[in-house]
Amino acid sequence: MSEAPAREWRFYLDDMIGFAEKVLAYTDGFDQAAFVASSLAYDATLRNLELIGEAATHVPDAMRSAHPEIAWRMIIATRNRLIHGYLGIDDDTLWSIIQDDVPALLPLLKQMKASTRS
């Protein structure tokens, strides 16, 4: 089986933006209780948060260092916690990420994209 060619890191940045937009769309109009009660919205949101972190691992260290305003380590650590801690996900923390962190992250990712266009 042959290996796929390396994917340009900028595509992962685009993916992060798209996943963050999905998180916001999937949770729009929910309060925390309704979100937790909606298994479809909960599962879809969780998956997209995981994917944000996975895509972040493909952004080169040099680019991460050039954009310290983005909490790269926290994004990747969150992905790891969500994937490996499925029995211990704290809904209060998750809701805080959805309400505070993702809306703050999205414009930073868009600014990074704009600044790295070639």
C-alpha atoms as a PDB file:
ATOM      1  CA  MET A   1       0.000   0.000   0.000  1.00  0.00           C
ATOM      2  CA  SER A   2       1.514   3.328  -1.015  1.00  0.00           C
ATOM      3  CA  GLU A   3       1.567   6.354   1.221  1.00  0.00           C
ATOM      4  CA  ALA A   4      -0.497   9.399   0.288  1.00  0.00           C
ATOM      5  CA  PRO A   5       1.473  12.524  -0.582  1.00  0.00           C
ATOM      6  CA  ALA A   6       2.005  14.977   2.255  1.00  0.00           C
ATOM      7  CA  ARG A   7      -0.840  17.432   2.590  1.00  0.00           C
ATOM      8  CA  GLU A   8      -0.041  21.144   2.626  1.00  0.00           C
ATOM      9  CA  TRP A   9      -0.324  22.431   6.218  1.00  0.00           C
ATOM     10  CA  ARG A  10      -2.513  25.354   5.140  1.00  0.00           C
ATOM     11  CA  PHE A  11      -5.287  22.876   4.356  1.00  0.00           C
ATOM     12  CA  TYR A  12      -5.253  21.828   8.008  1.00  0.00           C
ATOM     13  CA  LEU A  13      -5.701  25.447   8.989  1.00  0.00           C
ATOM     14  CA  ASP A  14      -8.716  25.610   6.664  1.00  0.00           C
ATOM     15  CA  ASP A  15     -10.014  22.434   8.292  1.00  0.00           C
ATOM     16  CA  MET A  16      -9.654  23.947  11.761  1.00  0.00           C
ATOM     17  CA  ILE A  17     -11.716  26.947  10.664  1.00  0.00           C
ATOM     18  CA  GLY A  18     -14.396  24.700   9.190  1.00  0.00           C
ATOM     19  CA  PHE A  19     -14.543  22.476  12.283  1.00  0.00           C
ATOM     20  CA  ALA A  20     -14.801  25.514  14.581  1.00  0.00           C
ATOM     21  CA  GLU A  21     -17.632  26.900  12.454  1.00  0.00           C
ATOM     22  CA  LYS A  22     -19.429  23.560  12.733  1.00  0.00           C
ATOM     23  CA  VAL A  23     -19.060  23.577  16.526  1.00  0.00           C
ATOM     24  CA  LEU A  24     -20.698  26.989  16.657  1.00  0.00           C
ATOM     25  CA  ALA A  25     -23.444  25.984  14.219  1.00  0.00           C
ATOM     26  CA  TYR A  26     -24.202  22.718  16.012  1.00  0.00           C
ATOM     27  CA  THR A  27     -24.569  24.479  19.369  1.00  0.00           C
ATOM     28  CA  ASP A  28     -26.352  27.621  18.220  1.00  0.00           C
ATOM     29  CA  GLY A  29     -29.520  28.200  20.219  1.00  0.00           C
ATOM     30  CA  PHE A  30     -28.666  25.656  22.901  1.00  0.00           C
ATOM     31  CA  ASP A  31     -28.097  26.274  26.556  1.00  0.00           C
ATOM     32  CA  GLN A  32     -25.865  23.792  28.353  1.00  0.00           C
ATOM     33  CA  ALA A  33     -28.684  21.538  29.548  1.00  0.00           C
ATOM     34  CA  ALA A  34     -30.267  21.292  26.094  1.00  0.00           C
ATOM     35  CA  PHE A  35     -26.873  20.667  24.507  1.00  0.00           C
ATOM     36  CA  VAL A  36     -26.048  17.836  26.900  1.00  0.00           C
ATOM     37  CA  ALA A  37     -29.537  16.363  26.380  1.00  0.00           C
ATOM     38  CA  SER A  38     -29.130  16.361  22.584  1.00  0.00           C
ATOM     39  CA  SER A  39     -26.958  13.349  21.885  1.00  0.00           C
ATOM     40  CA  LEU A  40     -26.731  14.229  18.191  1.00  0.00           C
ATOM     41  CA  ALA A  41     -25.506  17.789  18.785  1.00  0.00           C
ATOM     42  CA  TYR A  42     -23.255  16.622  21.637  1.00  0.00           C
ATOM     43  CA  ASP A  43     -21.595  13.866  19.616  1.00  0.00           C
ATOM     44  CA  ALA A  44     -21.178  16.007  16.488  1.00  0.00           C
ATOM     45  CA  THR A  45     -19.697  18.858  18.504  1.00  0.00           C
ATOM     46  CA  LEU A  46     -17.329  16.569  20.373  1.00  0.00           C
ATOM     47  CA  ARG A  47     -16.112  15.072  17.106  1.00  0.00           C
ATOM     48  CA  ASN A  48     -15.415  18.474  15.591  1.00  0.00           C
ATOM     49  CA  LEU A  49     -13.534  19.597  18.707  1.00  0.00           C
ATOM     50  CA  GLU A  50     -11.409  16.460  18.385  1.00  0.00           C
ATOM     51  CA  LEU A  51     -10.797  17.253  14.716  1.00  0.00           C
ATOM     52  CA  ILE A  52      -9.707  20.814  15.520  1.00  0.00           C
ATOM     53  CA  GLY A  53      -7.013  19.357  17.753  1.00  0.00           C
ATOM     54  CA  GLU A  54      -6.015  16.699  15.259  1.00  0.00           C
ATOM     55  CA  ALA A  55      -5.646  19.273  12.474  1.00  0.00           C
ATOM     56  CA  ALA A  56      -3.572  21.462  14.827  1.00  0.00           C
ATOM     57  CA  THR A  57      -1.012  18.668  15.143  1.00  0.00           C
ATOM     58  CA  HIS A  58      -0.321  19.050  11.410  1.00  0.00           C
ATOM     59  CA  VAL A  59       0.506  22.752  11.583  1.00  0.00           C
ATOM     60  CA  PRO A  60       4.308  23.005  11.598  1.00  0.00           C
ATOM     61  CA  ASP A  61       6.032  24.041  14.826  1.00  0.00           C
ATOM     62  CA  ALA A  62       7.492  27.087  13.097  1.00  0.00           C
ATOM     63  CA  MET A  63       4.013  28.314  12.197  1.00  0.00           C
ATOM     64  CA  ARG A  64       2.716  27.592  15.691  1.00  0.00           C
ATOM     65  CA  SER A  65       5.620  29.560  17.155  1.00  0.00           C
ATOM     66  CA  ALA A  66       4.901  32.433  14.796  1.00  0.00           C
ATOM     67  CA  HIS A  67       1.320  32.558  16.129  1.00  0.00           C
ATOM     68  CA  PRO A  68       1.559  32.336  19.922  1.00  0.00           C
ATOM     69  CA  GLU A  69      -1.828  34.045  20.248  1.00  0.00           C
ATOM     70  CA  ILE A  70      -3.322  30.633  19.445  1.00  0.00           C
ATOM     71  CA  ALA A  71      -3.215  28.162  22.336  1.00  0.00           C
ATOM     72  CA  TRP A  72      -1.825  25.295  20.248  1.00  0.00           C
ATOM     73  CA  ARG A  73      -0.805  23.099  23.163  1.00  0.00           C
ATOM     74  CA  MET A  74      -4.199  23.520  24.817  1.00  0.00           C
ATOM     75  CA  ILE A  75      -6.030  22.731  21.572  1.00  0.00           C
ATOM     76  CA  ILE A  76      -4.041  19.533  21.089  1.00  0.00           C
ATOM     77  CA  ALA A  77      -4.331  18.592  24.768  1.00  0.00           C
ATOM     78  CA  THR A  78      -8.099  19.082  24.578  1.00  0.00           C
ATOM     79  CA  ARG A  79      -8.238  16.734  21.607  1.00  0.00           C
ATOM     80  CA  ASN A  80      -6.299  14.127  23.560  1.00  0.00           C
ATOM     81  CA  ARG A  81      -8.549  14.480  26.607  1.00  0.00           C
ATOM     82  CA  LEU A  82     -11.702  14.169  24.524  1.00  0.00           C
ATOM     83  CA  ILE A  83     -10.511  11.133  22.608  1.00  0.00           C
ATOM     84  CA  HIS A  84      -8.907   9.263  25.503  1.00  0.00           C
ATOM     85  CA  GLY A  85     -11.096  10.417  28.367  1.00  0.00           C
ATOM     86  CA  TYR A  86     -14.481   9.460  27.040  1.00  0.00           C
ATOM     87  CA  LEU A  87     -15.728   8.380  30.457  1.00  0.00           C
ATOM     88  CA  GLY A  88     -14.476  11.513  32.143  1.00  0.00           C
ATOM     89  CA  ILE A  89     -15.581  14.438  29.985  1.00  0.00           C
ATOM     90  CA  ASP A  90     -16.741  17.273  32.201  1.00  0.00           C
ATOM     91  CA  ASP A  91     -19.781  18.911  30.643  1.00  0.00           C
ATOM     92  CA  ASP A  92     -19.120  22.256  32.357  1.00  0.00           C
ATOM     93  CA  THR A  93     -15.618  22.387  30.893  1.00  0.00           C
ATOM     94  CA  LEU A  94     -16.870  21.271  27.495  1.00  0.00           C
ATOM     95  CA  TRP A  95     -19.565  23.963  27.496  1.00  0.00           C
ATOM     96  CA  SER A  96     -16.970  26.574  28.454  1.00  0.00           C
ATOM     97  CA  ILE A  97     -14.814  25.514  25.503  1.00  0.00           C
ATOM     98  CA  ILE A  98     -17.818  25.798  23.189  1.00  0.00           C
ATOM     99  CA  GLN A  99     -19.014  29.148  24.528  1.00  0.00           C
ATOM    100  CA  ASP A 100     -15.692  30.888  25.194  1.00  0.00           C
ATOM    101  CA  ASP A 101     -12.720  29.204  23.562  1.00  0.00           C
ATOM    102  CA  VAL A 102     -14.054  28.307  20.120  1.00  0.00           C
ATOM    103  CA  PRO A 103     -15.570  31.764  19.439  1.00  0.00           C
ATOM    104  CA  ALA A 104     -12.248  33.335  20.486  1.00  0.00           C
ATOM    105  CA  LEU A 105     -10.230  30.860  18.399  1.00  0.00           C
ATOM    106  CA  LEU A 106     -12.092  31.286  15.126  1.00  0.00           C
ATOM    107  CA  PRO A 107     -11.038  34.885  14.351  1.00  0.00           C
ATOM    108  CA  LEU A 108      -7.442  34.064  15.327  1.00  0.00           C
ATOM    109  CA  LEU A 109      -7.397  31.191  12.846  1.00  0.00           C
ATOM    110  CA  LYS A 110      -8.865  33.415  10.153  1.00  0.00           C
ATOM    111  CA  GLN A 111      -6.266  36.105  10.866  1.00  0.00           C
ATOM    112  CA  MET A 112      -3.506  33.491  10.666  1.00  0.00           C
ATOM    113  CA  LYS A 113      -4.882  32.262   7.352  1.00  0.00           C
ATOM    114  CA  ALA A 114      -4.964  35.795   5.970  1.00  0.00           C
ATOM    115  CA  SER A 115      -1.416  36.486   7.134  1.00  0.00           C
ATOM    116  CA  THR A 116       0.024  33.308   5.635  1.00  0.00           C
ATOM    117  CA  ARG A 117      -1.437  33.524   2.147  1.00  0.00           C
ATOM    118  CA  SER A 118       1.216  33.188  -0.453  1.00  0.00           C
END
